[in-house]
Amino acid sequence: MARGKLRGKVVLFSETQRDVTKAESNPKLNRYTDAQLADLAKAPAPAELPEIDLKNLKIPEQPEERVAFLFEHSIPGVDESV
């Protein structure tokens, strides 16, 4: 019986984690066609702002809720850093 034949060798006990045949057949990147690029370049329709009834406007008491409310309703003068 021969001994010591695996010294200095790399021994794999399980299958590889990556299937090379699938990786080569399914690229992770693909190129856009001219039509796809033109479609991506189109600007979306502008969103309509909701009507705000200033007489019945109820602003939340909590600072975090208040900032979220003001952002949601697009009220000018709101700073993101607050």
N, C-alpha and C. Protein backbone atom coordinates (compact mmCIF):
# COMPACT_ATOMS: atom_id res chain seq x y z
N MET A 1 0.85 -1.17 0.00
CA MET A 1 0.00 0.00 0.00
C MET A 1 0.90 1.24 0.00
N ALA A 2 0.65 2.13 -0.97
CA ALA A 2 1.45 3.35 -1.09
C ALA A 2 0.87 4.43 -0.19
N ARG A 3 1.75 5.18 0.44
CA ARG A 3 1.32 6.24 1.35
C ARG A 3 1.91 7.56 0.90
N GLY A 4 1.23 8.67 1.25
CA GLY A 4 1.77 10.00 1.01
C GLY A 4 1.61 10.52 -0.40
N LYS A 5 0.67 9.99 -1.20
CA LYS A 5 0.52 10.45 -2.57
C LYS A 5 -0.27 11.77 -2.66
N LEU A 6 -0.94 12.18 -1.61
CA LEU A 6 -1.75 13.41 -1.65
C LEU A 6 -1.04 14.59 -1.01
N ARG A 7 0.14 14.41 -0.51
CA ARG A 7 0.87 15.50 0.13
C ARG A 7 1.18 16.59 -0.91
N GLY A 8 0.79 17.85 -0.62
CA GLY A 8 1.03 18.96 -1.53
C GLY A 8 0.00 19.06 -2.65
N LYS A 9 -1.01 18.22 -2.65
CA LYS A 9 -2.04 18.23 -3.69
C LYS A 9 -3.31 18.89 -3.17
N VAL A 10 -4.16 19.36 -4.09
CA VAL A 10 -5.47 19.92 -3.74
C VAL A 10 -6.50 18.83 -3.97
N VAL A 11 -7.29 18.54 -2.96
CA VAL A 11 -8.29 17.49 -3.05
C VAL A 11 -9.67 18.13 -2.91
N LEU A 12 -10.54 17.88 -3.89
CA LEU A 12 -11.91 18.41 -3.86
C LEU A 12 -12.85 17.31 -3.41
N PHE A 13 -13.65 17.61 -2.38
CA PHE A 13 -14.58 16.63 -1.85
C PHE A 13 -16.00 16.84 -2.34
N SER A 14 -16.31 17.98 -2.94
CA SER A 14 -17.66 18.25 -3.40
C SER A 14 -17.63 18.78 -4.83
N GLU A 15 -18.82 18.89 -5.42
CA GLU A 15 -18.91 19.42 -6.77
C GLU A 15 -18.65 20.92 -6.75
N THR A 16 -18.30 21.46 -7.90
CA THR A 16 -18.05 22.91 -7.98
C THR A 16 -19.35 23.66 -7.73
N GLN A 17 -19.23 24.87 -7.23
CA GLN A 17 -20.39 25.69 -6.90
C GLN A 17 -21.00 26.33 -8.14
N ARG A 18 -20.22 26.48 -9.18
CA ARG A 18 -20.67 27.20 -10.36
C ARG A 18 -20.67 26.26 -11.56
N ASP A 19 -21.77 26.23 -12.28
CA ASP A 19 -21.86 25.42 -13.49
C ASP A 19 -21.35 26.26 -14.65
N VAL A 20 -20.21 25.93 -15.18
CA VAL A 20 -19.57 26.72 -16.23
C VAL A 20 -20.39 26.74 -17.50
N THR A 21 -21.07 25.66 -17.83
CA THR A 21 -21.85 25.62 -19.08
C THR A 21 -23.02 26.59 -19.02
N LYS A 22 -23.68 26.72 -17.87
CA LYS A 22 -24.78 27.67 -17.74
C LYS A 22 -24.26 29.10 -17.75
N ALA A 23 -23.13 29.34 -17.11
CA ALA A 23 -22.56 30.68 -17.06
C ALA A 23 -22.18 31.17 -18.46
N GLU A 24 -21.68 30.29 -19.30
CA GLU A 24 -21.29 30.69 -20.64
C GLU A 24 -22.49 30.88 -21.55
N SER A 25 -23.60 30.18 -21.30
CA SER A 25 -24.76 30.29 -22.18
C SER A 25 -25.69 31.44 -21.80
N ASN A 26 -25.60 31.94 -20.57
CA ASN A 26 -26.45 33.03 -20.10
C ASN A 26 -25.59 34.21 -19.66
N PRO A 27 -25.30 35.14 -20.56
CA PRO A 27 -24.45 36.27 -20.15
C PRO A 27 -25.18 37.17 -19.15
N LYS A 28 -24.44 37.78 -18.25
CA LYS A 28 -25.04 38.67 -17.25
C LYS A 28 -25.30 40.05 -17.82
N LEU A 29 -24.65 40.39 -18.89
CA LEU A 29 -24.83 41.69 -19.53
C LEU A 29 -25.34 41.48 -20.95
N ASN A 30 -26.14 42.42 -21.41
CA ASN A 30 -26.56 42.38 -22.81
C ASN A 30 -26.65 43.81 -23.34
N ARG A 31 -26.54 43.93 -24.63
CA ARG A 31 -26.56 45.25 -25.26
C ARG A 31 -27.99 45.64 -25.61
N TYR A 32 -28.26 46.95 -25.49
CA TYR A 32 -29.56 47.47 -25.90
C TYR A 32 -29.54 47.74 -27.40
N THR A 33 -30.68 47.53 -28.03
CA THR A 33 -30.81 47.89 -29.44
C THR A 33 -31.10 49.38 -29.51
N ASP A 34 -31.02 49.94 -30.72
CA ASP A 34 -31.32 51.37 -30.89
C ASP A 34 -32.75 51.69 -30.46
N ALA A 35 -33.68 50.79 -30.76
CA ALA A 35 -35.08 51.01 -30.38
C ALA A 35 -35.25 51.01 -28.86
N GLN A 36 -34.55 50.09 -28.18
CA GLN A 36 -34.63 50.04 -26.72
C GLN A 36 -34.03 51.29 -26.10
N LEU A 37 -32.92 51.77 -26.65
CA LEU A 37 -32.30 53.00 -26.13
C LEU A 37 -33.21 54.20 -26.34
N ALA A 38 -33.85 54.27 -27.51
CA ALA A 38 -34.78 55.38 -27.78
C ALA A 38 -35.96 55.34 -26.81
N ASP A 39 -36.43 54.14 -26.51
CA ASP A 39 -37.54 54.00 -25.57
C ASP A 39 -37.12 54.43 -24.17
N LEU A 40 -35.90 54.08 -23.76
CA LEU A 40 -35.40 54.49 -22.44
C LEU A 40 -35.18 56.00 -22.35
N ALA A 41 -34.89 56.65 -23.47
CA ALA A 41 -34.61 58.08 -23.47
C ALA A 41 -35.87 58.93 -23.36
N LYS A 42 -37.02 58.35 -23.60
CA LYS A 42 -38.28 59.11 -23.52
C LYS A 42 -38.57 59.49 -22.07
N ALA A 43 -38.93 60.73 -21.86
CA ALA A 43 -39.26 61.21 -20.52
C ALA A 43 -40.68 60.77 -20.16
N PRO A 44 -40.90 60.38 -18.92
CA PRO A 44 -42.26 60.01 -18.50
C PRO A 44 -43.16 61.24 -18.42
N ALA A 45 -44.43 61.00 -18.48
CA ALA A 45 -45.39 62.10 -18.36
C ALA A 45 -45.29 62.69 -16.95
N PRO A 46 -45.36 64.00 -16.82
CA PRO A 46 -45.26 64.60 -15.49
C PRO A 46 -46.45 64.21 -14.62
N ALA A 47 -46.17 64.00 -13.35
CA ALA A 47 -47.22 63.63 -12.41
C ALA A 47 -47.99 64.87 -11.99
N GLU A 48 -49.29 64.70 -11.79
CA GLU A 48 -50.12 65.81 -11.35
C GLU A 48 -50.02 65.94 -9.84
N LEU A 49 -49.87 67.16 -9.36
CA LEU A 49 -49.82 67.41 -7.93
C LEU A 49 -51.23 67.38 -7.36
N PRO A 50 -51.39 66.82 -6.17
CA PRO A 50 -52.72 66.78 -5.57
C PRO A 50 -53.13 68.18 -5.11
N GLU A 51 -54.43 68.41 -5.11
CA GLU A 51 -54.97 69.67 -4.60
C GLU A 51 -54.83 69.69 -3.08
N ILE A 52 -54.37 70.80 -2.53
CA ILE A 52 -54.18 70.91 -1.09
C ILE A 52 -55.17 71.95 -0.56
N ASP A 53 -56.00 71.51 0.37
CA ASP A 53 -56.95 72.41 1.02
C ASP A 53 -56.26 73.02 2.24
N LEU A 54 -55.74 74.23 2.09
CA LEU A 54 -54.97 74.86 3.15
C LEU A 54 -55.79 75.18 4.39
N LYS A 55 -57.10 75.36 4.24
CA LYS A 55 -57.94 75.67 5.40
C LYS A 55 -58.10 74.46 6.32
N ASN A 56 -58.07 73.25 5.75
CA ASN A 56 -58.28 72.03 6.54
C ASN A 56 -57.01 71.17 6.61
N LEU A 57 -55.86 71.78 6.44
CA LEU A 57 -54.59 71.06 6.44
C LEU A 57 -54.18 70.71 7.87
N LYS A 58 -53.96 69.43 8.14
CA LYS A 58 -53.54 68.99 9.47
C LYS A 58 -52.13 68.41 9.35
N ILE A 59 -51.17 69.11 9.93
CA ILE A 59 -49.77 68.70 9.88
C ILE A 59 -49.47 67.88 11.13
N PRO A 60 -48.84 66.71 10.98
CA PRO A 60 -48.54 65.85 12.14
C PRO A 60 -47.64 66.54 13.15
N GLU A 61 -47.75 66.12 14.41
CA GLU A 61 -46.97 66.70 15.50
C GLU A 61 -45.54 66.17 15.55
N GLN A 62 -45.34 64.87 15.28
CA GLN A 62 -44.02 64.26 15.34
C GLN A 62 -43.14 64.79 14.20
N PRO A 63 -41.87 65.17 14.49
CA PRO A 63 -41.00 65.75 13.46
C PRO A 63 -40.79 64.85 12.25
N GLU A 64 -40.56 63.54 12.48
CA GLU A 64 -40.34 62.63 11.35
C GLU A 64 -41.59 62.52 10.48
N GLU A 65 -42.74 62.41 11.12
CA GLU A 65 -44.01 62.32 10.39
C GLU A 65 -44.30 63.62 9.65
N ARG A 66 -43.94 64.75 10.27
CA ARG A 66 -44.17 66.05 9.66
C ARG A 66 -43.34 66.21 8.39
N VAL A 67 -42.05 65.84 8.44
CA VAL A 67 -41.19 65.95 7.26
C VAL A 67 -41.71 65.04 6.15
N ALA A 68 -42.09 63.80 6.50
CA ALA A 68 -42.62 62.87 5.50
C ALA A 68 -43.90 63.43 4.89
N PHE A 69 -44.76 64.01 5.70
CA PHE A 69 -46.00 64.60 5.21
C PHE A 69 -45.72 65.75 4.24
N LEU A 70 -44.77 66.62 4.60
CA LEU A 70 -44.47 67.77 3.76
C LEU A 70 -43.82 67.33 2.44
N PHE A 71 -42.97 66.30 2.48
CA PHE A 71 -42.40 65.78 1.24
C PHE A 71 -43.48 65.18 0.36
N GLU A 72 -44.38 64.43 0.98
CA GLU A 72 -45.44 63.75 0.24
C GLU A 72 -46.36 64.74 -0.47
N HIS A 73 -46.59 65.87 0.16
CA HIS A 73 -47.50 66.86 -0.41
C HIS A 73 -46.78 67.96 -1.17
N SER A 74 -45.48 67.81 -1.36
CA SER A 74 -44.67 68.75 -2.16
C SER A 74 -44.86 70.19 -1.71
N ILE A 75 -44.79 70.42 -0.42
CA ILE A 75 -44.93 71.76 0.11
C ILE A 75 -43.55 72.42 0.09
N PRO A 76 -43.41 73.57 -0.56
CA PRO A 76 -42.10 74.21 -0.68
C PRO A 76 -41.53 74.62 0.67
N GLY A 77 -40.20 74.70 0.74
CA GLY A 77 -39.52 75.12 1.94
C GLY A 77 -39.13 73.99 2.85
N VAL A 78 -39.28 72.75 2.40
CA VAL A 78 -38.92 71.59 3.21
C VAL A 78 -37.50 71.17 2.80
N ASP A 79 -36.62 71.05 3.78
CA ASP A 79 -35.25 70.67 3.53
C ASP A 79 -35.07 69.20 3.87
N GLU A 80 -34.38 68.42 3.00
CA GLU A 80 -34.18 66.98 3.22
C GLU A 80 -33.32 66.70 4.42
N SER A 81 -32.47 67.62 4.82
CA SER A 81 -31.54 67.35 5.90
C SER A 81 -32.18 67.42 7.28
N VAL A 82 -33.44 67.80 7.37
CA VAL A 82 -34.12 67.93 8.66
C VAL A 82 -34.36 66.57 9.26
